[in-house]
Amino acid sequence: MPENFKHLSEKYLAEFYDFHQYDDITGFAYTSRLHAVITLEIALSSFDNLHWVSFEYLCEKIPKKLGKRTTIQTILNEGVRKSFFIKTISFTDNRVKIYKLEEESLKNIQSWLSKHFNILDPKNIII
């Protein structure tokens, strides 16, 4: 049993080191825990049009221990600058900016999630 956990630990570390070097959204997400959380929250909104992610939403949702408002804003700005995130104005309130994943970034996250969780493996399908 410990050998299996050794192998899993090695596999995770190799994945972490590999993805961290990518120039795409997966590399961005592996920059820090906060980068990962923000990327996944925005991915959720990209998968569900009824779920909007704004700066204020992220500040309320993300535990302060993971990141403060200024750090969240910095990561959002970085994601927009690198064209991973798309920032649009809310239909209901012009002051609110909504974040979605850019199309290629969305495909990369879908691919990463599929590989990471073996979605094609029937035993991983939850009913």
N, C-alpha and C. Protein backbone atom coordinates (compact mmCIF):
# COMPACT_ATOMS: atom_id res chain seq x y z
N MET A 1 0.80 -1.21 0.00
CA MET A 1 0.00 0.00 0.00
C MET A 1 0.85 1.28 0.00
N PRO A 2 1.87 1.42 0.86
CA PRO A 2 2.69 2.64 0.83
C PRO A 2 3.35 2.87 -0.53
N GLU A 3 3.68 1.81 -1.26
CA GLU A 3 4.30 1.97 -2.58
C GLU A 3 3.35 2.67 -3.54
N ASN A 4 2.04 2.35 -3.43
CA ASN A 4 1.05 3.00 -4.27
C ASN A 4 0.97 4.50 -3.96
N PHE A 5 1.02 4.85 -2.68
CA PHE A 5 0.98 6.27 -2.31
C PHE A 5 2.27 6.98 -2.73
N LYS A 6 3.37 6.27 -2.69
CA LYS A 6 4.63 6.84 -3.17
C LYS A 6 4.50 7.16 -4.66
N HIS A 7 3.95 6.22 -5.41
CA HIS A 7 3.77 6.42 -6.85
C HIS A 7 2.82 7.59 -7.12
N LEU A 8 1.72 7.66 -6.38
CA LEU A 8 0.76 8.76 -6.56
C LEU A 8 1.40 10.11 -6.23
N SER A 9 2.20 10.15 -5.17
CA SER A 9 2.89 11.39 -4.79
C SER A 9 3.86 11.82 -5.89
N GLU A 10 4.61 10.88 -6.41
CA GLU A 10 5.55 11.18 -7.50
C GLU A 10 4.80 11.66 -8.74
N LYS A 11 3.68 11.02 -9.03
CA LYS A 11 2.88 11.39 -10.20
C LYS A 11 2.33 12.81 -10.04
N TYR A 12 1.82 13.13 -8.85
CA TYR A 12 1.28 14.46 -8.61
C TYR A 12 2.38 15.52 -8.72
N LEU A 13 3.54 15.26 -8.12
CA LEU A 13 4.64 16.22 -8.20
C LEU A 13 5.08 16.44 -9.64
N ALA A 14 5.19 15.36 -10.40
CA ALA A 14 5.58 15.49 -11.81
C ALA A 14 4.55 16.32 -12.56
N GLU A 15 3.26 16.06 -12.30
CA GLU A 15 2.20 16.84 -12.95
C GLU A 15 2.29 18.31 -12.56
N PHE A 16 2.50 18.56 -11.28
CA PHE A 16 2.60 19.93 -10.80
C PHE A 16 3.75 20.66 -11.48
N TYR A 17 4.92 20.03 -11.53
CA TYR A 17 6.08 20.66 -12.16
C TYR A 17 5.85 20.86 -13.66
N ASP A 18 5.24 19.89 -14.31
CA ASP A 18 4.98 20.00 -15.75
C ASP A 18 4.00 21.13 -16.06
N PHE A 19 2.86 21.12 -15.39
CA PHE A 19 1.83 22.11 -15.68
C PHE A 19 2.28 23.52 -15.31
N HIS A 20 3.07 23.65 -14.26
CA HIS A 20 3.53 24.96 -13.83
C HIS A 20 4.31 25.67 -14.93
N GLN A 21 4.93 24.92 -15.83
CA GLN A 21 5.74 25.50 -16.90
C GLN A 21 4.93 25.90 -18.13
N TYR A 22 3.68 25.47 -18.22
CA TYR A 22 2.87 25.77 -19.39
C TYR A 22 2.56 27.26 -19.47
N ASP A 23 2.43 27.76 -20.70
CA ASP A 23 2.08 29.17 -20.91
C ASP A 23 0.58 29.38 -21.07
N ASP A 24 -0.19 28.30 -20.95
CA ASP A 24 -1.64 28.41 -21.14
C ASP A 24 -2.33 28.53 -19.78
N ILE A 25 -3.64 28.38 -19.79
CA ILE A 25 -4.44 28.54 -18.57
C ILE A 25 -4.08 27.51 -17.49
N THR A 26 -3.66 26.31 -17.88
CA THR A 26 -3.30 25.31 -16.87
C THR A 26 -2.05 25.75 -16.11
N GLY A 27 -1.07 26.29 -16.83
CA GLY A 27 0.12 26.81 -16.15
C GLY A 27 -0.23 27.97 -15.24
N PHE A 28 -1.14 28.82 -15.71
CA PHE A 28 -1.61 29.96 -14.90
C PHE A 28 -2.28 29.45 -13.62
N ALA A 29 -3.12 28.45 -13.75
CA ALA A 29 -3.84 27.91 -12.60
C ALA A 29 -2.90 27.25 -11.59
N TYR A 30 -1.80 26.70 -12.06
CA TYR A 30 -0.84 26.05 -11.17
C TYR A 30 0.14 27.03 -10.52
N THR A 31 -0.01 28.31 -10.77
CA THR A 31 0.88 29.31 -10.19
C THR A 31 0.77 29.33 -8.66
N SER A 32 -0.46 29.27 -8.15
CA SER A 32 -0.69 29.27 -6.70
C SER A 32 -2.07 28.67 -6.43
N ARG A 33 -2.35 28.41 -5.15
CA ARG A 33 -3.68 27.90 -4.79
C ARG A 33 -4.75 28.92 -5.17
N LEU A 34 -4.46 30.18 -4.95
CA LEU A 34 -5.44 31.22 -5.27
C LEU A 34 -5.68 31.31 -6.78
N HIS A 35 -4.65 31.19 -7.57
CA HIS A 35 -4.82 31.16 -9.02
C HIS A 35 -5.74 30.00 -9.41
N ALA A 36 -5.51 28.84 -8.80
CA ALA A 36 -6.32 27.66 -9.12
C ALA A 36 -7.79 27.87 -8.73
N VAL A 37 -8.02 28.40 -7.55
CA VAL A 37 -9.39 28.63 -7.08
C VAL A 37 -10.11 29.63 -7.99
N ILE A 38 -9.46 30.72 -8.31
CA ILE A 38 -10.08 31.74 -9.17
C ILE A 38 -10.36 31.16 -10.55
N THR A 39 -9.40 30.43 -11.11
CA THR A 39 -9.59 29.81 -12.43
C THR A 39 -10.76 28.85 -12.41
N LEU A 40 -10.86 28.02 -11.38
CA LEU A 40 -11.96 27.05 -11.32
C LEU A 40 -13.31 27.73 -11.07
N GLU A 41 -13.32 28.78 -10.27
CA GLU A 41 -14.58 29.53 -10.07
C GLU A 41 -15.04 30.13 -11.39
N ILE A 42 -14.12 30.70 -12.15
CA ILE A 42 -14.48 31.28 -13.45
C ILE A 42 -14.86 30.19 -14.43
N ALA A 43 -14.20 29.03 -14.35
CA ALA A 43 -14.58 27.90 -15.20
C ALA A 43 -16.02 27.48 -14.91
N LEU A 44 -16.40 27.43 -13.64
CA LEU A 44 -17.79 27.09 -13.28
C LEU A 44 -18.77 28.04 -13.95
N SER A 45 -18.45 29.32 -13.93
CA SER A 45 -19.36 30.29 -14.56
C SER A 45 -19.38 30.12 -16.08
N SER A 46 -18.27 29.64 -16.64
CA SER A 46 -18.21 29.41 -18.08
C SER A 46 -19.00 28.18 -18.49
N PHE A 47 -19.15 27.23 -17.58
CA PHE A 47 -19.94 26.02 -17.84
C PHE A 47 -21.42 26.24 -17.58
N ASP A 48 -21.75 27.25 -16.77
CA ASP A 48 -23.14 27.49 -16.36
C ASP A 48 -23.43 28.99 -16.50
N ASN A 49 -24.20 29.35 -17.52
CA ASN A 49 -24.48 30.76 -17.78
C ASN A 49 -25.30 31.43 -16.68
N LEU A 50 -25.92 30.64 -15.81
CA LEU A 50 -26.70 31.22 -14.72
C LEU A 50 -25.83 31.53 -13.50
N HIS A 51 -24.59 31.08 -13.53
CA HIS A 51 -23.64 31.30 -12.44
C HIS A 51 -22.64 32.37 -12.87
N TRP A 52 -22.77 33.57 -12.32
CA TRP A 52 -21.90 34.67 -12.71
C TRP A 52 -20.81 34.84 -11.67
N VAL A 53 -19.61 35.11 -12.14
CA VAL A 53 -18.49 35.36 -11.25
C VAL A 53 -18.01 36.79 -11.46
N SER A 54 -18.09 37.54 -10.38
CA SER A 54 -17.60 38.92 -10.38
C SER A 54 -16.50 39.02 -9.32
N PHE A 55 -15.84 40.16 -9.30
CA PHE A 55 -14.82 40.41 -8.29
C PHE A 55 -15.42 40.28 -6.89
N GLU A 56 -16.56 40.91 -6.67
CA GLU A 56 -17.20 40.88 -5.35
C GLU A 56 -17.61 39.44 -4.96
N TYR A 57 -18.11 38.70 -5.93
CA TYR A 57 -18.47 37.29 -5.67
C TYR A 57 -17.23 36.53 -5.18
N LEU A 58 -16.11 36.69 -5.88
CA LEU A 58 -14.89 35.99 -5.50
C LEU A 58 -14.41 36.41 -4.11
N CYS A 59 -14.51 37.71 -3.81
CA CYS A 59 -14.08 38.20 -2.49
C CYS A 59 -14.94 37.62 -1.37
N GLU A 60 -16.21 37.41 -1.63
CA GLU A 60 -17.10 36.81 -0.63
C GLU A 60 -16.89 35.30 -0.53
N LYS A 61 -16.67 34.65 -1.65
CA LYS A 61 -16.60 33.19 -1.71
C LYS A 61 -15.26 32.64 -1.21
N ILE A 62 -14.17 33.27 -1.58
CA ILE A 62 -12.83 32.76 -1.28
C ILE A 62 -12.46 33.10 0.16
N PRO A 63 -12.06 32.09 0.93
CA PRO A 63 -11.64 32.37 2.32
C PRO A 63 -10.48 33.36 2.36
N LYS A 64 -10.54 34.27 3.32
CA LYS A 64 -9.51 35.31 3.45
C LYS A 64 -8.11 34.71 3.62
N LYS A 65 -8.05 33.52 4.17
CA LYS A 65 -6.77 32.85 4.37
C LYS A 65 -6.10 32.52 3.03
N LEU A 66 -6.90 32.31 1.98
CA LEU A 66 -6.36 32.02 0.65
C LEU A 66 -5.93 33.27 -0.09
N GLY A 67 -6.64 34.36 0.14
CA GLY A 67 -6.27 35.58 -0.58
C GLY A 67 -7.15 36.75 -0.22
N LYS A 68 -6.54 37.89 -0.17
CA LYS A 68 -7.24 39.14 0.12
C LYS A 68 -7.71 39.80 -1.17
N ARG A 69 -8.52 40.82 -1.03
CA ARG A 69 -9.14 41.51 -2.17
C ARG A 69 -8.11 41.99 -3.20
N THR A 70 -7.03 42.60 -2.73
CA THR A 70 -6.05 43.14 -3.68
C THR A 70 -5.37 42.02 -4.47
N THR A 71 -5.11 40.89 -3.83
CA THR A 71 -4.47 39.78 -4.52
C THR A 71 -5.44 39.16 -5.53
N ILE A 72 -6.70 39.05 -5.15
CA ILE A 72 -7.72 38.53 -6.07
C ILE A 72 -7.81 39.44 -7.29
N GLN A 73 -7.85 40.75 -7.07
CA GLN A 73 -7.93 41.70 -8.18
C GLN A 73 -6.70 41.61 -9.08
N THR A 74 -5.53 41.45 -8.48
CA THR A 74 -4.29 41.33 -9.25
C THR A 74 -4.33 40.09 -10.15
N ILE A 75 -4.81 38.98 -9.62
CA ILE A 75 -4.88 37.74 -10.41
C ILE A 75 -5.91 37.88 -11.52
N LEU A 76 -7.05 38.50 -11.23
CA LEU A 76 -8.05 38.73 -12.28
C LEU A 76 -7.48 39.59 -13.40
N ASN A 77 -6.80 40.66 -13.03
CA ASN A 77 -6.19 41.54 -14.04
C ASN A 77 -5.14 40.79 -14.86
N GLU A 78 -4.35 39.97 -14.20
CA GLU A 78 -3.34 39.18 -14.90
C GLU A 78 -3.99 38.21 -15.88
N GLY A 79 -5.06 37.55 -15.44
CA GLY A 79 -5.78 36.61 -16.31
C GLY A 79 -6.39 37.30 -17.52
N VAL A 80 -6.90 38.50 -17.34
CA VAL A 80 -7.45 39.28 -18.45
C VAL A 80 -6.33 39.73 -19.38
N ARG A 81 -5.24 40.22 -18.80
CA ARG A 81 -4.10 40.70 -19.59
C ARG A 81 -3.50 39.58 -20.45
N LYS A 82 -3.48 38.36 -19.89
CA LYS A 82 -2.94 37.21 -20.63
C LYS A 82 -3.98 36.56 -21.54
N SER A 83 -5.16 37.14 -21.59
CA SER A 83 -6.28 36.66 -22.43
C SER A 83 -6.80 35.28 -22.03
N PHE A 84 -6.67 34.91 -20.75
CA PHE A 84 -7.26 33.68 -20.24
C PHE A 84 -8.71 33.92 -19.82
N PHE A 85 -8.96 35.12 -19.26
CA PHE A 85 -10.29 35.51 -18.80
C PHE A 85 -10.83 36.61 -19.72
N ILE A 86 -12.14 36.58 -19.88
CA ILE A 86 -12.83 37.65 -20.59
C ILE A 86 -13.66 38.41 -19.56
N LYS A 87 -13.51 39.72 -19.55
CA LYS A 87 -14.26 40.56 -18.60
C LYS A 87 -15.32 41.32 -19.37
N THR A 88 -16.58 41.14 -18.96
CA THR A 88 -17.69 41.84 -19.59
C THR A 88 -18.48 42.59 -18.53
N ILE A 89 -19.31 43.50 -18.99
CA ILE A 89 -20.16 44.29 -18.08
C ILE A 89 -21.47 43.54 -17.87
N SER A 90 -21.92 43.53 -16.63
CA SER A 90 -23.19 42.90 -16.27
C SER A 90 -24.34 43.59 -17.00
N PHE A 91 -25.32 42.81 -17.41
CA PHE A 91 -26.50 43.37 -18.07
C PHE A 91 -27.36 44.17 -17.09
N THR A 92 -27.32 43.78 -15.82
CA THR A 92 -28.20 44.41 -14.83
C THR A 92 -27.56 45.58 -14.09
N ASP A 93 -26.21 45.63 -14.04
CA ASP A 93 -25.54 46.69 -13.31
C ASP A 93 -24.20 46.98 -13.99
N ASN A 94 -24.09 48.14 -14.61
CA ASN A 94 -22.88 48.50 -15.36
C ASN A 94 -21.62 48.56 -14.51
N ARG A 95 -21.77 48.67 -13.20
CA ARG A 95 -20.60 48.72 -12.31
C ARG A 95 -19.98 47.34 -12.10
N VAL A 96 -20.75 46.28 -12.35
CA VAL A 96 -20.31 44.91 -12.08
C VAL A 96 -19.68 44.32 -13.33
N LYS A 97 -18.48 43.78 -13.16
CA LYS A 97 -17.78 43.11 -14.25
C LYS A 97 -17.88 41.60 -14.04
N ILE A 98 -18.24 40.89 -15.09
CA ILE A 98 -18.41 39.43 -15.05
C ILE A 98 -17.22 38.79 -15.77
N TYR A 99 -16.72 37.71 -15.20
CA TYR A 99 -15.56 37.01 -15.77
C TYR A 99 -15.95 35.64 -16.31
N LYS A 100 -15.45 35.32 -17.48
CA LYS A 100 -15.62 34.01 -18.12
C LYS A 100 -14.25 33.59 -18.63
N LEU A 101 -14.12 32.30 -18.94
CA LEU A 101 -12.89 31.84 -19.58
C LEU A 101 -12.96 32.09 -21.07
N GLU A 102 -11.87 32.50 -21.63
CA GLU A 102 -11.73 32.64 -23.07
C GLU A 102 -11.87 31.24 -23.68
N GLU A 103 -12.32 31.15 -24.92
CA GLU A 103 -12.68 29.87 -25.55
C GLU A 103 -11.57 28.82 -25.49
N GLU A 104 -10.35 29.19 -25.86
CA GLU A 104 -9.24 28.23 -25.83
C GLU A 104 -8.91 27.81 -24.40
N SER A 105 -8.99 28.75 -23.48
CA SER A 105 -8.76 28.44 -22.07
C SER A 105 -9.82 27.48 -21.55
N LEU A 106 -11.05 27.69 -21.97
CA LEU A 106 -12.14 26.80 -21.56
C LEU A 106 -11.87 25.38 -22.06
N LYS A 107 -11.43 25.24 -23.31
CA LYS A 107 -11.10 23.92 -23.85
C LYS A 107 -9.95 23.28 -23.08
N ASN A 108 -8.95 24.07 -22.72
CA ASN A 108 -7.82 23.53 -21.95
C ASN A 108 -8.25 23.05 -20.58
N ILE A 109 -9.12 23.80 -19.92
CA ILE A 109 -9.61 23.39 -18.60
C ILE A 109 -10.47 22.14 -18.72
N GLN A 110 -11.32 22.07 -19.75
CA GLN A 110 -12.12 20.87 -19.97
C GLN A 110 -11.22 19.66 -20.18
N SER A 111 -10.19 19.81 -20.96
CA SER A 111 -9.25 18.72 -21.22
C SER A 111 -8.53 18.33 -19.93
N TRP A 112 -8.08 19.31 -19.16
CA TRP A 112 -7.39 19.03 -17.90
C TRP A 112 -8.31 18.29 -16.93
N LEU A 113 -9.54 18.76 -16.80
CA LEU A 113 -10.50 18.10 -15.90
C LEU A 113 -10.78 16.67 -16.35
N SER A 114 -10.95 16.48 -17.65
CA SER A 114 -11.21 15.14 -18.18
C SER A 114 -10.06 14.19 -17.88
N LYS A 115 -8.84 14.65 -18.10
CA LYS A 115 -7.67 13.81 -17.84
C LYS A 115 -7.47 13.58 -16.36
N HIS A 116 -7.60 14.65 -15.59
CA HIS A 116 -7.33 14.58 -14.16
C HIS A 116 -8.30 13.66 -13.43
N PHE A 117 -9.54 13.67 -13.84
CA PHE A 117 -10.55 12.88 -13.15
C PHE A 117 -11.01 11.67 -13.95
N ASN A 118 -10.30 11.35 -15.02
CA ASN A 118 -10.62 10.17 -15.83
C ASN A 118 -12.10 10.07 -16.14
N ILE A 119 -12.65 11.11 -16.70
CA ILE A 119 -14.09 11.18 -16.95
C ILE A 119 -14.57 10.04 -17.83
N LEU A 120 -13.74 9.58 -18.73
CA LEU A 120 -14.16 8.50 -19.63
C LEU A 120 -14.18 7.15 -18.92
N ASP A 121 -13.62 7.07 -17.72
CA ASP A 121 -13.62 5.82 -16.96
C ASP A 121 -14.99 5.67 -16.30
N PRO A 122 -15.78 4.62 -16.68
CA PRO A 122 -17.15 4.45 -16.15
C PRO A 122 -17.23 4.39 -14.62
N LYS A 123 -16.20 3.91 -13.95
CA LYS A 123 -16.27 3.82 -12.48
C LYS A 123 -16.22 5.20 -11.82
N ASN A 124 -15.84 6.24 -12.57
CA ASN A 124 -15.78 7.58 -12.01
C ASN A 124 -17.03 8.39 -12.28
N ILE A 125 -18.01 7.81 -12.93
CA ILE A 125 -19.26 8.51 -13.21
C ILE A 125 -20.15 8.41 -11.99
N ILE A 126 -20.58 9.54 -11.48
CA ILE A 126 -21.44 9.60 -10.30
C ILE A 126 -22.88 9.75 -10.77
N ILE A 127 -23.74 8.89 -10.25
CA ILE A 127 -25.16 8.94 -10.64
C ILE A 127 -25.98 9.44 -9.47
